[in-house]
Amino acid sequence: MNTFNLRVLSSVRVLFSEQVASVFLSGDEGEFELLPFHYPLMAALPEGEIVIAGYDKIPLRQGVVVFLDNICTIIIEELVAESFIEN
């Protein structure tokens, strides 16, 4: 099966770590999809969502993605839902 290792990390926890078939991201220069054996990549991520094939979406405030040797690491600042913010 064609998959790659995807890790999504915040400053305080590991949000996701699995083998996946694809991940869809919005970058500073548009939207893109990463598939197994993608060419090496490093990109900034603005506020948006990480869409992982077969899994829930992960919202983010901003972040960076690195894809190298069939391993994708995304480090993000988590977007906290307004319902969790105390006044």
C-alpha atoms as a PDB file:
ATOM      1  CA  MET A   1       0.000   0.000   0.000  1.00  0.00           C
ATOM      2  CA  ASN A   2       1.273   3.486  -0.823  1.00  0.00           C
ATOM      3  CA  THR A   3       1.302   5.482   2.396  1.00  0.00           C
ATOM      4  CA  PHE A   4       3.579   7.820   4.287  1.00  0.00           C
ATOM      5  CA  ASN A   5       4.122   8.654   7.951  1.00  0.00           C
ATOM      6  CA  LEU A   6       2.260  11.816   8.990  1.00  0.00           C
ATOM      7  CA  ARG A   7       2.908  13.538  12.310  1.00  0.00           C
ATOM      8  CA  VAL A   8       1.008  16.638  13.396  1.00  0.00           C
ATOM      9  CA  LEU A   9       2.549  18.309  16.438  1.00  0.00           C
ATOM     10  CA  SER A  10       1.740  21.336  18.556  1.00  0.00           C
ATOM     11  CA  SER A  11       4.003  22.890  21.171  1.00  0.00           C
ATOM     12  CA  VAL A  12       2.397  20.770  23.888  1.00  0.00           C
ATOM     13  CA  ARG A  13       1.241  17.492  22.343  1.00  0.00           C
ATOM     14  CA  VAL A  14       1.198  15.065  19.447  1.00  0.00           C
ATOM     15  CA  LEU A  15      -2.128  15.596  17.675  1.00  0.00           C
ATOM     16  CA  PHE A  16      -1.781  12.868  15.050  1.00  0.00           C
ATOM     17  CA  SER A  17       0.731  10.145  14.153  1.00  0.00           C
ATOM     18  CA  GLU A  18      -0.318   7.518  11.592  1.00  0.00           C
ATOM     19  CA  GLN A  19       0.407   6.081   8.161  1.00  0.00           C
ATOM     20  CA  VAL A  20      -1.831   7.897   5.647  1.00  0.00           C
ATOM     21  CA  ALA A  21      -2.529   7.905   1.908  1.00  0.00           C
ATOM     22  CA  SER A  22      -2.727  11.705   1.536  1.00  0.00           C
ATOM     23  CA  VAL A  23      -3.018  15.043   3.303  1.00  0.00           C
ATOM     24  CA  PHE A  24      -4.535  18.221   1.857  1.00  0.00           C
ATOM     25  CA  LEU A  25      -3.175  21.595   3.003  1.00  0.00           C
ATOM     26  CA  SER A  26      -3.561  25.291   2.282  1.00  0.00           C
ATOM     27  CA  GLY A  27      -0.243  27.095   1.941  1.00  0.00           C
ATOM     28  CA  ASP A  28       0.748  30.719   1.455  1.00  0.00           C
ATOM     29  CA  GLU A  29       0.719  30.179  -2.315  1.00  0.00           C
ATOM     30  CA  GLY A  30      -2.440  28.065  -2.608  1.00  0.00           C
ATOM     31  CA  GLU A  31      -3.805  24.622  -1.823  1.00  0.00           C
ATOM     32  CA  PHE A  32      -1.869  21.405  -2.327  1.00  0.00           C
ATOM     33  CA  GLU A  33      -2.046  17.685  -1.616  1.00  0.00           C
ATOM     34  CA  LEU A  34       0.830  15.540  -0.397  1.00  0.00           C
ATOM     35  CA  LEU A  35       0.947  11.923  -1.553  1.00  0.00           C
ATOM     36  CA  PRO A  36       3.414   9.095  -0.831  1.00  0.00           C
ATOM     37  CA  PHE A  37       6.955   9.732  -2.097  1.00  0.00           C
ATOM     38  CA  HIS A  38       6.288  13.451  -2.661  1.00  0.00           C
ATOM     39  CA  TYR A  39       9.355  15.514  -3.530  1.00  0.00           C
ATOM     40  CA  PRO A  40      11.094  17.183  -0.541  1.00  0.00           C
ATOM     41  CA  LEU A  41       9.096  20.187   0.598  1.00  0.00           C
ATOM     42  CA  MET A  42       9.067  22.861   3.292  1.00  0.00           C
ATOM     43  CA  ALA A  43       6.199  25.364   3.402  1.00  0.00           C
ATOM     44  CA  ALA A  44       4.462  27.822   5.712  1.00  0.00           C
ATOM     45  CA  LEU A  45       0.812  27.185   6.540  1.00  0.00           C
ATOM     46  CA  PRO A  46      -1.626  30.030   7.237  1.00  0.00           C
ATOM     47  CA  GLU A  47      -4.791  29.653   9.309  1.00  0.00           C
ATOM     48  CA  GLY A  48      -6.935  26.845   7.921  1.00  0.00           C
ATOM     49  CA  GLU A  49      -7.403  23.100   8.200  1.00  0.00           C
ATOM     50  CA  ILE A  50      -5.341  19.976   7.740  1.00  0.00           C
ATOM     51  CA  VAL A  51      -7.474  17.474   5.820  1.00  0.00           C
ATOM     52  CA  ILE A  52      -6.237  13.904   6.270  1.00  0.00           C
ATOM     53  CA  ALA A  53      -7.730  11.186   4.040  1.00  0.00           C
ATOM     54  CA  GLY A  54     -10.033   9.026   6.167  1.00  0.00           C
ATOM     55  CA  TYR A  55      -9.693  11.118   9.361  1.00  0.00           C
ATOM     56  CA  ASP A  56     -11.171  14.238  10.954  1.00  0.00           C
ATOM     57  CA  LYS A  57      -9.903  17.680   9.972  1.00  0.00           C
ATOM     58  CA  ILE A  58      -7.441  19.462  12.259  1.00  0.00           C
ATOM     59  CA  PRO A  59      -7.852  23.257  12.508  1.00  0.00           C
ATOM     60  CA  LEU A  60      -4.720  25.388  12.794  1.00  0.00           C
ATOM     61  CA  ARG A  61      -3.852  29.031  13.405  1.00  0.00           C
ATOM     62  CA  GLN A  62      -0.527  28.748  11.545  1.00  0.00           C
ATOM     63  CA  GLY A  63       2.252  26.250  11.057  1.00  0.00           C
ATOM     64  CA  VAL A  64       4.964  24.729   8.927  1.00  0.00           C
ATOM     65  CA  VAL A  65       5.096  21.473   6.965  1.00  0.00           C
ATOM     66  CA  VAL A  66       8.192  19.448   6.065  1.00  0.00           C
ATOM     67  CA  PHE A  67       8.078  16.405   3.759  1.00  0.00           C
ATOM     68  CA  LEU A  68      11.301  14.401   3.451  1.00  0.00           C
ATOM     69  CA  ASP A  69      12.054  10.694   2.929  1.00  0.00           C
ATOM     70  CA  ASN A  70       8.333   9.794   2.901  1.00  0.00           C
ATOM     71  CA  ILE A  71       7.816  11.376   6.335  1.00  0.00           C
ATOM     72  CA  CYS A  72       5.580  14.416   6.692  1.00  0.00           C
ATOM     73  CA  THR A  73       5.874  16.513   9.841  1.00  0.00           C
ATOM     74  CA  ILE A  74       3.479  19.382  10.437  1.00  0.00           C
ATOM     75  CA  ILE A  75       4.126  21.676  13.402  1.00  0.00           C
ATOM     76  CA  ILE A  76       1.199  23.924  14.211  1.00  0.00           C
ATOM     77  CA  GLU A  77      -0.164  26.522  16.554  1.00  0.00           C
ATOM     78  CA  GLU A  78      -3.522  25.045  17.493  1.00  0.00           C
ATOM     79  CA  LEU A  79      -6.700  26.971  16.777  1.00  0.00           C
ATOM     80  CA  VAL A  80      -8.739  26.901  19.984  1.00  0.00           C
ATOM     81  CA  ALA A  81     -12.486  26.730  19.452  1.00  0.00           C
ATOM     82  CA  GLU A  82     -14.276  29.806  20.798  1.00  0.00           C
ATOM     83  CA  SER A  83     -16.403  27.577  23.023  1.00  0.00           C
ATOM     84  CA  PHE A  84     -13.249  26.659  24.981  1.00  0.00           C
ATOM     85  CA  ILE A  85     -12.054  30.232  25.564  1.00  0.00           C
ATOM     86  CA  GLU A  86     -12.848  31.560  29.038  1.00  0.00           C
ATOM     87  CA  ASN A  87     -13.934  35.200  29.437  1.00  0.00           C
END
